[in-house]
Every structure is written in structure tokens, then in C-alpha cells.
Amino acid sequence: MTFLAKLNGAMARNQSLWCLGLDPNPEVMPEAYRRPYDRDRHHLHAVEILWDWMQYIIDSTADRVCAYKPTLGFYTALGAPGLDLLAKTLAAIPADIPVILDAKHQDLSSSTVLAQTAFGQWQVDAITLSPYLGQDLAARFLMYLDRGVFISCYSANTTALPLQNYPHPGNPLYLELVQQCQTWGSWEQLALEVGSAQPAALAQVRTLAPERLILARSIWAGTTDLPVVRLGDLLQAGLDAQGGNLLLPVNQDVLATADPQALIGDLRDQTQDLLDRRQQASPHCTPWMPNVCTLTPQPHGDLILQLFDLGCIAFGDYVQASGQVFPYYIDLRRIISNPQTFDAVIDAYGDVVRQLVFDRIAGIPYGALPTASGLALKLNRPLIFPRKEVKAYGARRLVEGNYEPGETAVVVDDILITGKSAVEGAQKLQSCGLLVRDIVVFIDHGGGARERLAAQGYTAWGVLTITEINHTLYETGRITEMQFEALCSQESDQEVGRQSA
């Protein structure tokens, strides 16, 4: 699983944009740990006290944050025991929460070794780098295709402003850094770190990098309490057009409290409330525009890219409804909240369905019902649907909608893997006297499902195939070579299974 996929999963699961630093800094120790630490600060036992503290923080906050960010300098300052402490701390973090190693690394000669240690030995998911050695430094870390790199492009330190605004504030150096470093790696791998004491700088970076993940820094400068208005300004400046791709740092003073869980929970809830208000106040969707030109244009190329950018196509190890484990997951339920993509999906369905002879459109619940409804409206054809389960009350219908026995229904489903849901729906329709010849799906996974449906008397039609999706995403740079090969391997395995069957 890639860093970004892991992060998005943690954000969704914990409903949080908040990232917590795991820094064994004695200056912010709670009193319960400070007293024994002060007594033993010159002995090895002091590191054990720091470890107890870090473990407590992780145990208290793992369901409140979306990422942890240990600062390497705090651990190396403790010498060899500090590196042992780092290893123990990393091992204690739940596997489904990503770790960003805050290294601000800026030495070219040691970069390869650090990349091997950070990504290989410590198994962190991302690392922060200084930008001033250019692409050569970043390349050592970008070689690990499933990991992330944060380029530090702006600092909120007041003494850094003359350097960052050089040669003048209207054309500052830091914005040139933002533009340059985006050419070093894909949007999935390369992210930006921005000191955001003032939202204006954050907004400028977001304008230049509309699709990049941004880690905000220094938002707590000069305060221990973040006013709602200021938090709202930060969200407005830093969120992307889809309302995501922003990481916020928890105030390090939280580490000194006796109840970090409650404080971070309050931050999370406050942020979620602002996000909900933002969505309600601005429910419109930003139009999607193609930003690539392929050498071999695909008839559905733009639609595939829209689905990917909307988050309908994710990579990782996912268990499907059939019980199979695929290196990707496709969730078409997201399209109903994006009118542009929803309309494009319905049009693509329509291109297939218009070729068929039928009386009614039958949508398979629940995933395909919205698209079947839109298709019925678009084609001005009657809609029916077989119930997933029959209620023990009311009319107790097996098929909802008006129809006459002997009419022909075309079945509309979302994804064809085994064909089980589509066949079950078709059989319910047939049991009520309807005829079913054709089953239309949006994505055909392959693997012999069409042949199995044909053996049962149905003709399957697919708008898209996994092969078409895979090649389009790879050609346009949306996925890495590793992801492309993983999907190709899955296709090969399915083909072998089909032939053996």
C-alpha cells in the first residue's frame, strides 16, 4: 500500500486531519513523567521513562490522529539509546497509521543510507527533506515508490522571511521552490511542508500545487488555543478542491497534558464541524479538467482519470465481496456526489445500452441503483429493480416498479467480478415473468465472468475493463510502475484461473 493510500485510509477511519509529533522532548513532559526523569536524566533508565511516555501517547491517541511524526533530531540527541527508543516507538505505532519521519535531511552523501534505514529498517512511510540540494537529494528517497517525501518549502520563522521572500515578496524564492520540486516526483509520492502561521502563504502554495498533499506547520505560533476562525481560515487556504489533501499538526503542548486523547478529540470534532459547514455552504463541485495528453487516446480516457482523481480507484490489498484479495479497490459510490462524473458515467452506460433491445431498465441494489436511475431518466425508459431482500410487511414485492410479464429487462450492475449479484437479480426478475438477455456493467474485471454468464444464457457488456483502466492510468502517470505491474499480475492470475476453470 502506498503512503498516500494508507494516509487516506487513516483519515477516513479516524475522521481526522490531525498529525501528532512523537518527540521525547523533556521540556513538554507531564509532571508524572518529569519527576522520575529529572532524578535519572543521566542514567540509561531515563530513556525507559521516555519510552513509557511515548507509549502512553500512542495508546491514548491512535484513534484520534491520521499520522504520527517523530522528529529524528530528538532521538539522535540521545545517542545510541535514543535510536533504540526510536525503534521501539515506531514498533508501537499501529500498522494502519502512517509515520512521517521529520528529518529535514539535507546531506547528499548520506541520503542513500538514510533512505535505506528509514524505509527499509525503520519502515516509516514518509520523510521530510530540505529542498536546497535539489532533485538529486529527493531522488534517493523517491526510488521507494510506495513511500512519501515531504519537501520543506516554507518556514514560519520570522528570521527566515528575508531569505524566503528574496528577491522581493512579489516573486519570492519559496514559490519558485514549490514550482520546481513538483517536477521531481508524482503527486502521489511528493508532498509539501508549509509553515502556516499566516494562511496567506499556505493559500499561495495551494494555488501553485492544487493536487499535492500539504503538511501545515507552525499553526500554533503564539497561542495554545486555536480559535475557530483561524482554523477555518487554515482549512480554506490549505484544502484542495475536493476538500482534502491537508495535514494539520497537533500542538506539542498536548504531550504535556494528562489527557491528550480528550484534547485531540476536541480538535478533531471541531475540524469536522467546520468541514461539514464548509460542505453545506458550498455544495457545488469544481469542474474536473483533463491535465494530460496521451499518445494513444482512449475513448474513455478522461472518465478513467476523473474516477481516479475522485478516489474511486485505490491501490492496496483489498478483500472483495467475493472473498478474493485484489491489489486495488474500486468504489463507484463516490460518483453520486460529483454531478460531472456521475453524468459522464451515465453517458458511458448509455452508449452501451442504446445498442440493446429491451422494455425496462433493472438496477441491481444497492451500488447500481443511482446509475440505473440516472440512465432511465437519460434514456426516458422505465426503471424497475429486484429487491435485495423481501420485507415481511407491506406489499412484499420481489421486484419494485411497474412491469408486465413477458417484457424484457436489461440488468444494470456496477462491477462484474464473479457475476453473482447480477445473476441473482436476473433470476428474481425472471421468476416474476420478465425476460433477461443482457447484463450491462460499468467495469468488467475479466477472469472469465462473461463466459460464466454466457453459460447461463446471459450476454455481459462492460463499459470499461480493468486492462483499459490500468493502461490509461499508467500512461498518464497516475500510477507507478509497481502498481501497474501488480495489476497486470492480477489480470494474469485471473486469466490462468479462467483457463483452468
Protein backbone atom coordinates (compact mmCIF):
# COMPACT_ATOMS: atom_id res chain seq x y z
CA MET A 1 0.00 0.00 0.00
CA THR A 2 1.30 3.45 -0.87
CA PHE A 3 1.84 6.15 1.71
CA LEU A 4 -0.99 8.26 0.34
CA ALA A 5 -3.43 5.34 0.30
CA LYS A 6 -2.51 4.49 3.89
CA LEU A 7 -2.92 8.12 4.95
CA ASN A 8 -6.29 8.47 3.24
CA GLY A 9 -7.43 5.28 4.93
CA ALA A 10 -6.40 6.60 8.37
CA MET A 11 -8.07 9.97 7.69
CA ALA A 12 -11.33 8.29 6.76
CA ARG A 13 -11.23 5.74 9.57
CA ASN A 14 -10.44 8.23 12.35
CA GLN A 15 -12.24 11.18 10.73
CA SER A 16 -9.15 13.28 11.34
CA LEU A 17 -6.75 15.63 9.56
CA TRP A 18 -4.51 15.84 12.63
CA CYS A 19 -0.91 14.65 12.75
CA LEU A 20 0.88 14.26 16.10
CA GLY A 21 4.61 14.66 16.69
CA LEU A 22 6.16 11.90 18.80
CA ASP A 23 9.05 13.87 20.26
CA PRO A 24 10.72 12.77 23.53
CA ASN A 25 11.28 16.40 24.49
CA PRO A 26 11.73 16.70 28.28
CA GLU A 27 10.56 20.34 28.10
CA VAL A 28 6.97 19.26 27.47
CA MET A 29 6.87 16.21 29.74
CA PRO A 30 3.84 15.74 32.01
CA GLU A 31 4.59 16.04 35.69
CA ALA A 32 4.05 12.31 36.28
CA TYR A 33 6.99 11.51 33.97
CA ARG A 34 9.10 14.60 34.62
CA ARG A 35 9.82 13.88 38.29
CA PRO A 36 11.36 10.41 37.77
CA TYR A 37 13.10 11.63 34.60
CA ASP A 38 14.77 14.54 36.42
CA ARG A 39 16.10 12.10 39.00
CA ASP A 40 17.54 9.74 36.38
CA ARG A 41 18.29 12.01 33.42
CA HIS A 42 21.99 10.98 33.43
CA HIS A 43 21.28 7.25 33.53
CA LEU A 44 20.03 4.75 30.97
CA HIS A 45 16.82 4.42 32.96
CA ALA A 46 15.88 7.91 31.76
CA VAL A 47 15.34 6.54 28.25
CA GLU A 48 12.96 3.94 29.65
CA ILE A 49 10.92 6.75 31.19
CA LEU A 50 10.80 8.48 27.80
CA TRP A 51 9.66 5.20 26.26
CA ASP A 52 6.84 4.84 28.79
CA TRP A 53 5.76 8.36 27.92
CA MET A 54 5.79 7.76 24.15
CA GLN A 55 3.87 4.51 24.57
CA TYR A 56 1.23 6.29 26.65
CA ILE A 57 0.84 8.98 23.98
CA ILE A 58 0.38 6.38 21.22
CA ASP A 59 -2.09 4.31 23.22
CA SER A 60 -4.10 7.44 24.05
CA THR A 61 -4.30 8.96 20.58
CA ALA A 62 -4.20 6.17 17.97
CA ASP A 63 -7.92 6.54 17.27
CA ARG A 64 -7.78 10.34 17.07
CA VAL A 65 -4.95 11.11 14.62
CA CYS A 66 -4.29 10.22 10.99
CA ALA A 67 -0.47 10.16 11.22
CA TYR A 68 2.46 10.33 13.64
CA LYS A 69 5.55 12.44 13.03
CA PRO A 70 8.62 11.66 15.17
CA THR A 71 11.39 14.26 14.87
CA LEU A 72 14.66 12.45 14.22
CA GLY A 73 16.77 15.09 15.98
CA PHE A 74 15.22 14.43 19.39
CA TYR A 75 16.17 10.76 19.16
CA THR A 76 19.69 11.18 17.78
CA ALA A 77 20.42 13.73 20.52
CA LEU A 78 20.13 10.85 23.00
CA GLY A 79 22.83 8.84 21.23
CA ALA A 80 22.58 5.08 20.76
CA PRO A 81 19.84 4.71 23.41
CA GLY A 82 17.83 7.30 21.51
CA LEU A 83 17.93 5.22 18.31
CA ASP A 84 16.75 2.23 20.30
CA LEU A 85 13.96 4.42 21.66
CA LEU A 86 13.01 5.42 18.12
CA ALA A 87 12.84 1.78 17.02
CA LYS A 88 10.60 0.87 19.97
CA THR A 89 8.38 3.89 19.38
CA LEU A 90 7.94 3.09 15.70
CA ALA A 91 7.13 -0.54 16.51
CA ALA A 92 4.40 0.58 18.93
CA ILE A 93 2.52 2.61 16.31
CA PRO A 94 -0.45 0.70 14.82
CA ALA A 95 0.33 -0.63 11.36
CA ASP A 96 -2.59 1.20 9.77
CA ILE A 97 -1.41 4.67 10.85
CA PRO A 98 1.32 6.19 8.64
CA VAL A 99 4.56 7.51 10.09
CA ILE A 100 6.29 10.64 8.75
CA LEU A 101 9.92 10.86 9.88
CA ASP A 102 10.68 14.54 10.40
CA ALA A 103 14.33 14.56 9.36
CA LYS A 104 14.68 17.76 7.27
CA HIS A 105 17.56 15.87 5.68
CA GLN A 106 19.94 17.95 3.56
CA ASP A 107 23.12 15.93 3.08
CA LEU A 108 23.59 14.29 -0.31
CA SER A 109 26.38 11.88 0.64
CA SER A 110 24.38 10.20 3.41
CA SER A 111 21.00 10.31 1.66
CA THR A 112 21.12 6.79 0.20
CA VAL A 113 22.00 5.27 3.58
CA LEU A 114 19.30 7.26 5.36
CA ALA A 115 16.71 6.22 2.77
CA GLN A 116 17.65 2.56 3.27
CA THR A 117 17.48 2.91 7.05
CA ALA A 118 14.28 4.96 7.19
CA PHE A 119 12.29 3.00 4.63
CA GLY A 120 13.96 -0.38 4.96
CA GLN A 121 14.94 -0.83 8.60
CA TRP A 122 12.56 1.56 10.38
CA GLN A 123 9.73 1.07 7.86
CA VAL A 124 8.49 4.66 8.08
CA ASP A 125 6.03 5.71 5.41
CA ALA A 126 7.38 9.17 4.56
CA ILE A 127 10.21 11.56 5.35
CA THR A 128 10.78 15.33 5.29
CA LEU A 129 13.64 16.79 3.24
CA SER A 130 15.28 20.14 2.70
CA PRO A 131 14.84 21.44 -0.87
CA TYR A 132 18.15 23.15 -1.47
CA LEU A 133 20.14 20.21 -2.82
CA GLY A 134 17.53 19.76 -5.50
CA GLN A 135 16.23 16.68 -7.23
CA ASP A 136 19.41 14.66 -6.65
CA LEU A 137 18.66 14.51 -2.94
CA ALA A 138 14.97 13.72 -3.36
CA ALA A 139 15.68 11.02 -5.95
CA ARG A 140 17.38 8.79 -3.35
CA PHE A 141 14.11 8.66 -1.42
CA LEU A 142 11.70 8.71 -4.36
CA MET A 143 13.21 5.41 -5.53
CA TYR A 144 10.95 3.80 -2.91
CA LEU A 145 7.76 4.04 -4.92
CA ASP A 146 5.34 3.20 -2.12
CA ARG A 147 6.77 5.84 0.27
CA GLY A 148 6.27 9.59 0.51
CA VAL A 149 8.60 12.58 0.53
CA PHE A 150 7.73 15.97 2.03
CA ILE A 151 9.73 18.90 0.71
CA SER A 152 10.00 21.72 3.25
CA CYS A 153 9.29 24.78 1.14
CA TYR A 154 8.30 27.48 3.63
CA SER A 155 9.15 28.29 7.26
CA ALA A 156 7.12 30.47 9.60
CA ASN A 157 10.27 31.62 11.43
CA THR A 158 10.44 35.40 11.17
CA THR A 159 14.21 35.43 10.57
CA ALA A 160 13.72 33.15 7.55
CA LEU A 161 11.37 35.55 5.81
CA PRO A 162 14.06 37.74 4.18
CA LEU A 163 15.56 34.63 2.58
CA GLN A 164 12.27 33.09 1.53
CA ASN A 165 10.92 36.34 0.08
CA TYR A 166 14.10 37.03 -1.90
CA PRO A 167 14.43 38.80 -4.30
CA HIS A 168 11.15 40.52 -3.36
CA PRO A 169 7.77 39.46 -1.90
CA GLY A 170 6.07 39.70 -5.27
CA ASN A 171 8.29 36.97 -6.69
CA PRO A 172 9.53 35.04 -3.64
CA LEU A 173 12.03 32.21 -3.63
CA TYR A 174 9.73 29.84 -1.76
CA LEU A 175 7.15 29.89 -4.56
CA GLU A 176 9.88 29.04 -7.06
CA LEU A 177 10.76 26.09 -4.82
CA VAL A 178 7.16 24.93 -4.89
CA GLN A 179 7.08 25.03 -8.68
CA GLN A 180 10.44 23.35 -9.14
CA CYS A 181 10.07 20.48 -6.68
CA GLN A 182 6.78 19.35 -8.20
CA THR A 183 8.74 18.20 -11.24
CA TRP A 184 10.77 15.81 -9.07
CA GLY A 185 8.07 13.27 -8.30
CA SER A 186 4.44 12.32 -8.81
CA TRP A 187 1.61 13.88 -6.83
CA GLU A 188 1.18 10.53 -5.07
CA GLN A 189 4.76 10.49 -3.76
CA LEU A 190 5.91 14.07 -3.36
CA ALA A 191 4.16 16.32 -0.85
CA LEU A 192 4.90 19.77 0.57
CA GLU A 193 5.55 21.05 4.07
CA VAL A 194 4.44 24.64 4.69
CA GLY A 195 4.86 26.78 7.80
CA SER A 196 1.40 28.26 8.10
CA ALA A 197 1.30 30.77 10.94
CA GLN A 198 -0.36 33.02 8.36
CA PRO A 199 -2.81 31.38 5.94
CA ALA A 200 -1.75 33.65 3.04
CA ALA A 201 1.45 31.67 2.35
CA LEU A 202 -0.46 28.42 2.59
CA ALA A 203 -3.04 29.68 0.10
CA GLN A 204 -0.31 30.69 -2.37
CA VAL A 205 1.28 27.26 -2.17
CA ARG A 206 -2.09 25.58 -2.66
CA THR A 207 -2.72 27.68 -5.75
CA LEU A 208 0.56 26.52 -7.30
CA ALA A 209 0.12 22.90 -6.15
CA PRO A 210 -3.63 22.21 -6.35
CA GLU A 211 -3.28 18.41 -6.24
CA ARG A 212 -0.45 17.95 -3.71
CA LEU A 213 -0.72 16.81 -0.13
CA ILE A 214 0.32 19.66 2.19
CA LEU A 215 1.58 19.28 5.74
CA ALA A 216 0.95 22.55 7.56
CA ARG A 217 3.40 23.65 10.25
CA SER A 218 3.56 26.34 12.94
CA ILE A 219 -0.18 26.95 13.02
CA TRP A 220 0.04 27.26 16.81
CA ALA A 221 2.59 30.07 16.78
CA GLY A 222 1.98 32.42 19.70
CA THR A 223 -1.04 30.56 21.07
CA THR A 224 -2.01 27.42 22.95
CA ASP A 225 -5.59 27.62 21.73
CA LEU A 226 -6.58 27.67 18.07
CA PRO A 227 -9.62 29.92 17.54
CA VAL A 228 -12.34 28.52 15.31
CA VAL A 229 -11.99 31.47 12.94
CA ARG A 230 -8.27 30.86 12.49
CA LEU A 231 -8.77 27.14 12.00
CA GLY A 232 -11.44 27.91 9.42
CA ASP A 233 -9.03 30.24 7.59
CA LEU A 234 -6.38 27.49 7.53
CA LEU A 235 -8.83 24.99 6.10
CA GLN A 236 -9.97 27.47 3.48
CA ALA A 237 -6.36 28.17 2.47
CA GLY A 238 -4.99 24.63 2.57
CA LEU A 239 -7.68 22.19 1.48
CA ASP A 240 -7.73 21.15 -2.16
CA ALA A 241 -10.75 21.48 -4.44
CA GLN A 242 -12.19 18.20 -3.15
CA GLY A 243 -11.79 19.25 0.48
CA GLY A 244 -8.78 17.06 1.28
CA ASN A 245 -5.00 16.72 0.94
CA LEU A 246 -4.23 18.73 4.09
CA LEU A 247 -2.48 17.57 7.27
CA LEU A 248 -2.66 19.70 10.42
CA PRO A 249 -0.18 19.46 13.32
CA VAL A 250 -1.35 18.92 16.88
CA ASN A 251 0.11 21.45 19.32
CA GLN A 252 3.11 19.84 21.04
CA ASP A 253 1.80 21.16 24.36
CA VAL A 254 -0.73 18.31 24.12
CA LEU A 255 2.13 15.95 25.02
CA ALA A 256 2.39 17.64 28.41
CA THR A 257 -1.25 17.05 29.33
CA ALA A 258 -2.67 14.22 31.37
CA ASP A 259 -5.43 13.59 28.84
CA PRO A 260 -4.17 14.05 25.25
CA GLN A 261 -6.99 11.86 23.98
CA ALA A 262 -9.66 14.36 25.01
CA LEU A 263 -7.82 17.40 23.65
CA ILE A 264 -7.12 15.84 20.27
CA GLY A 265 -10.68 14.53 20.17
CA ASP A 266 -11.96 18.08 20.64
CA LEU A 267 -9.70 19.32 17.83
CA ARG A 268 -10.91 16.57 15.55
CA ASP A 269 -14.57 17.24 16.28
CA GLN A 270 -14.13 20.99 15.84
CA THR A 271 -12.42 20.44 12.49
CA GLN A 272 -15.08 18.01 11.31
CA ASP A 273 -17.77 20.52 12.21
CA LEU A 274 -16.04 23.18 10.12
CA LEU A 275 -15.66 20.75 7.22
CA ASP A 276 -19.36 19.90 7.39
CA ARG A 277 -20.29 23.59 7.41
CA ARG A 278 -17.95 24.21 4.51
CA GLN A 279 -19.60 21.45 2.52
CA GLN A 280 -23.09 22.71 3.30
CA ALA A 281 -22.17 26.28 2.41
CA SER A 282 -20.54 25.28 -0.84
CA PRO A 283 -22.09 22.03 -2.07
CA HIS A 284 -21.15 22.63 -5.68
CA CYS A 285 -18.41 20.57 -7.29
CA THR A 286 -15.39 22.10 -9.00
CA PRO A 287 -15.38 21.10 -12.67
CA TRP A 288 -12.78 18.47 -13.50
CA MET A 289 -10.43 19.34 -16.36
CA PRO A 290 -8.03 16.97 -18.12
CA ASN A 291 -4.38 17.81 -17.44
CA VAL A 292 -2.65 15.26 -19.67
CA CYS A 293 -2.45 14.35 -23.30
CA THR A 294 -1.95 10.66 -24.07
CA LEU A 295 -0.07 9.31 -27.07
CA THR A 296 -2.86 6.83 -27.79
CA PRO A 297 -6.16 8.46 -26.80
CA GLN A 298 -8.68 6.13 -25.19
CA PRO A 299 -12.42 6.56 -25.77
CA HIS A 300 -12.97 6.71 -22.00
CA GLY A 301 -9.61 8.19 -21.01
CA ASP A 302 -10.97 11.33 -19.36
CA LEU A 303 -13.60 9.35 -17.49
CA ILE A 304 -10.99 6.96 -16.09
CA LEU A 305 -8.90 9.90 -14.88
CA GLN A 306 -11.95 11.52 -13.29
CA LEU A 307 -12.71 8.31 -11.40
CA PHE A 308 -9.13 8.08 -10.18
CA ASP A 309 -8.94 11.74 -9.13
CA LEU A 310 -12.25 11.38 -7.31
CA GLY A 311 -10.83 8.49 -5.28
CA CYS A 312 -12.99 5.77 -6.84
CA ILE A 313 -9.89 3.73 -7.70
CA ALA A 314 -7.47 2.97 -4.86
CA PHE A 315 -4.43 0.72 -4.65
CA GLY A 316 -3.53 -1.61 -1.78
CA ASP A 317 -4.54 -5.10 -0.65
CA TYR A 318 -8.34 -5.16 -0.56
CA VAL A 319 -10.70 -8.04 0.15
CA GLN A 320 -13.55 -8.07 -2.36
CA ALA A 321 -17.14 -9.12 -1.68
CA SER A 322 -16.28 -12.40 -3.40
CA GLY A 323 -13.58 -13.07 -0.79
CA GLN A 324 -10.75 -12.57 -3.29
CA VAL A 325 -7.87 -10.23 -2.45
CA PHE A 326 -7.04 -7.73 -5.19
CA PRO A 327 -4.21 -5.15 -5.29
CA TYR A 328 -6.81 -2.44 -5.94
CA TYR A 329 -10.32 -1.42 -4.92
CA ILE A 330 -13.00 0.30 -6.94
CA ASP A 331 -15.73 2.23 -5.12
CA LEU A 332 -18.26 3.73 -7.51
CA ARG A 333 -20.49 5.04 -4.72
CA ARG A 334 -18.45 8.26 -4.67
CA ILE A 335 -19.69 9.34 -8.10
CA ILE A 336 -23.18 10.21 -6.84
CA SER A 337 -21.74 13.25 -5.04
CA ASN A 338 -19.99 14.60 -8.16
CA PRO A 339 -22.51 15.64 -10.83
CA GLN A 340 -19.90 15.94 -13.60
CA THR A 341 -18.51 12.44 -13.11
CA PHE A 342 -21.97 10.98 -12.45
CA ASP A 343 -23.23 12.40 -15.73
CA ALA A 344 -20.19 11.08 -17.59
CA VAL A 345 -20.71 7.60 -16.13
CA ILE A 346 -24.37 7.60 -17.16
CA ASP A 347 -23.45 8.72 -20.68
CA ALA A 348 -20.92 5.88 -20.91
CA TYR A 349 -23.55 3.37 -19.80
CA GLY A 350 -25.94 4.88 -22.32
CA ASP A 351 -23.56 4.29 -25.22
CA VAL A 352 -23.79 0.55 -24.50
CA VAL A 353 -27.45 0.27 -23.50
CA ARG A 354 -28.70 2.12 -26.59
CA GLN A 355 -27.46 -0.79 -28.71
CA LEU A 356 -29.75 -3.27 -26.94
CA VAL A 357 -33.42 -4.17 -27.34
CA PHE A 358 -35.40 -4.03 -24.08
CA ASP A 359 -38.52 -2.67 -22.40
CA ARG A 360 -37.28 -1.74 -18.91
CA ILE A 361 -34.04 -0.97 -17.10
CA ALA A 362 -33.42 -3.03 -13.96
CA GLY A 363 -30.87 -1.68 -11.48
CA ILE A 364 -29.16 -4.04 -9.04
CA PRO A 365 -29.25 -2.71 -5.46
CA TYR A 366 -27.58 -1.04 -3.89
CA GLY A 367 -24.48 0.10 -5.79
CA ALA A 368 -26.03 0.32 -9.26
CA LEU A 369 -29.38 1.84 -8.33
CA PRO A 370 -28.28 5.50 -8.60
CA THR A 371 -26.70 4.99 -12.03
CA ALA A 372 -29.63 2.89 -13.24
CA SER A 373 -31.99 5.68 -12.13
CA GLY A 374 -29.94 8.29 -13.96
CA LEU A 375 -29.79 6.07 -17.04
CA ALA A 376 -33.56 5.61 -17.03
CA LEU A 377 -34.01 9.38 -16.91
CA LYS A 378 -31.41 9.96 -19.61
CA LEU A 379 -32.95 7.38 -21.99
CA ASN A 380 -36.56 8.03 -20.93
CA ARG A 381 -37.10 4.34 -20.20
CA PRO A 382 -38.99 2.78 -17.25
CA LEU A 383 -36.99 1.70 -14.20
CA ILE A 384 -37.54 -1.37 -12.02
CA PHE A 385 -35.34 -3.13 -9.51
CA PRO A 386 -35.23 -6.53 -7.80
CA ARG A 387 -35.20 -6.20 -4.02
CA LYS A 388 -32.10 -7.34 -2.21
CA GLU A 389 -34.39 -8.84 0.43
CA VAL A 390 -38.16 -9.16 0.64
CA LYS A 391 -39.77 -7.39 3.60
CA ALA A 392 -42.15 -9.30 5.86
CA TYR A 393 -44.63 -6.42 5.74
CA GLY A 394 -46.29 -4.17 3.17
CA ALA A 395 -46.72 -5.43 -0.40
CA ARG A 396 -43.76 -7.82 -0.02
CA ARG A 397 -42.75 -7.35 -3.64
CA LEU A 398 -39.76 -9.17 -5.09
CA VAL A 399 -39.45 -6.60 -7.90
CA GLU A 400 -40.31 -2.92 -7.39
CA GLY A 401 -41.84 -0.82 -10.14
CA ASN A 402 -44.46 -1.38 -12.83
CA TYR A 403 -43.95 -4.12 -15.40
CA GLU A 404 -45.80 -6.80 -17.34
CA PRO A 405 -44.79 -10.46 -17.59
CA GLY A 406 -43.17 -11.17 -20.93
CA GLU A 407 -41.39 -7.81 -21.09
CA THR A 408 -37.62 -7.68 -21.50
CA ALA A 409 -35.40 -6.09 -18.86
CA VAL A 410 -31.76 -5.12 -19.26
CA VAL A 411 -29.88 -5.60 -15.98
CA VAL A 412 -27.57 -2.75 -14.93
CA ASP A 413 -24.88 -3.52 -12.34
CA ASP A 414 -21.74 -1.65 -11.31
CA ILE A 415 -18.83 -4.14 -11.26
CA LEU A 416 -18.51 -7.63 -12.72
CA ILE A 417 -16.16 -9.90 -10.76
CA THR A 418 -17.97 -13.23 -10.36
CA GLY A 419 -21.36 -12.15 -11.71
CA LYS A 420 -23.13 -13.46 -8.61
CA SER A 421 -25.13 -10.30 -7.78
CA ALA A 422 -26.16 -9.71 -11.40
CA VAL A 423 -27.33 -13.32 -11.86
CA GLU A 424 -29.26 -13.28 -8.58
CA GLY A 425 -31.01 -10.10 -9.69
CA ALA A 426 -31.74 -11.50 -13.14
CA GLN A 427 -33.21 -14.67 -11.65
CA LYS A 428 -35.54 -12.64 -9.42
CA LEU A 429 -36.74 -10.74 -12.49
CA GLN A 430 -37.25 -13.97 -14.40
CA SER A 431 -39.20 -15.50 -11.52
CA CYS A 432 -41.72 -12.65 -11.98
CA GLY A 433 -42.15 -13.42 -15.69
CA LEU A 434 -39.66 -10.92 -17.12
CA LEU A 435 -37.15 -11.83 -19.81
CA VAL A 436 -33.45 -11.08 -19.28
CA ARG A 437 -30.88 -11.43 -22.02
CA ASP A 438 -28.36 -8.65 -21.36
CA ILE A 439 -26.37 -7.60 -18.30
CA VAL A 440 -24.51 -4.27 -18.53
CA VAL A 441 -21.78 -3.41 -16.01
CA PHE A 442 -19.59 -0.37 -15.70
CA ILE A 443 -16.33 -2.23 -15.01
CA ASP A 444 -15.54 -5.77 -16.13
CA HIS A 445 -12.78 -7.33 -14.02
CA GLY A 446 -12.25 -10.14 -16.51
CA GLY A 447 -11.31 -13.55 -15.15
CA GLY A 448 -13.94 -15.47 -17.13
CA ALA A 449 -17.06 -13.89 -15.61
CA ARG A 450 -18.51 -13.14 -19.06
CA GLU A 451 -18.09 -16.76 -20.09
CA ARG A 452 -19.78 -17.97 -16.92
CA LEU A 453 -22.72 -15.65 -17.57
CA ALA A 454 -22.92 -16.83 -21.18
CA ALA A 455 -23.16 -20.42 -19.97
CA GLN A 456 -26.27 -19.36 -18.02
CA GLY A 457 -27.84 -17.67 -21.03
CA TYR A 458 -26.82 -14.05 -20.47
CA THR A 459 -24.73 -11.68 -22.57
CA ALA A 460 -22.50 -9.43 -20.48
CA TRP A 461 -21.46 -5.96 -21.64
CA GLY A 462 -18.83 -3.81 -19.95
CA VAL A 463 -18.26 -0.08 -20.32
CA LEU A 464 -14.67 -0.34 -19.07
CA THR A 465 -12.22 -3.16 -18.43
CA ILE A 466 -9.54 -3.34 -15.78
CA THR A 467 -6.92 -3.60 -18.54
CA GLU A 468 -8.11 -0.33 -20.11
CA ILE A 469 -8.12 1.39 -16.72
CA ASN A 470 -4.65 0.10 -15.83
CA HIS A 471 -3.00 1.19 -19.08
CA THR A 472 -4.69 4.61 -19.07
CA LEU A 473 -3.62 5.39 -15.50
CA TYR A 474 -0.05 4.23 -16.13
CA GLU A 475 0.34 6.10 -19.42
CA THR A 476 -0.88 9.33 -17.82
CA GLY A 477 1.41 8.98 -14.78
CA ARG A 478 -1.41 8.50 -12.28
CA ILE A 479 0.02 5.20 -11.01
CA THR A 480 3.54 3.91 -10.53
CA GLU A 481 5.21 1.10 -12.44
CA MET A 482 4.93 -1.07 -9.33
CA GLN A 483 1.16 -0.54 -9.19
CA PHE A 484 0.88 -1.14 -12.92
CA GLU A 485 2.78 -4.43 -12.67
CA ALA A 486 0.72 -5.52 -9.64
CA LEU A 487 -2.49 -5.01 -11.59
CA CYS A 488 -1.07 -6.79 -14.65
CA SER A 489 -0.11 -9.70 -12.41
CA GLN A 490 -3.64 -9.83 -11.03
CA GLU A 491 -5.02 -9.92 -14.56
CA SER A 492 -2.66 -12.77 -15.46
CA ASP A 493 -3.71 -14.75 -12.39
CA GLN A 494 -7.35 -14.26 -13.30
CA GLU A 495 -6.70 -15.42 -16.87
CA VAL A 496 -4.93 -18.55 -15.61
CA GLY A 497 -7.87 -19.22 -13.31
CA ARG A 498 -10.31 -18.74 -16.17
CA GLN A 499 -8.46 -21.17 -18.44
CA SER A 500 -8.13 -23.80 -15.73
CA ALA A 501 -11.84 -23.49 -14.98
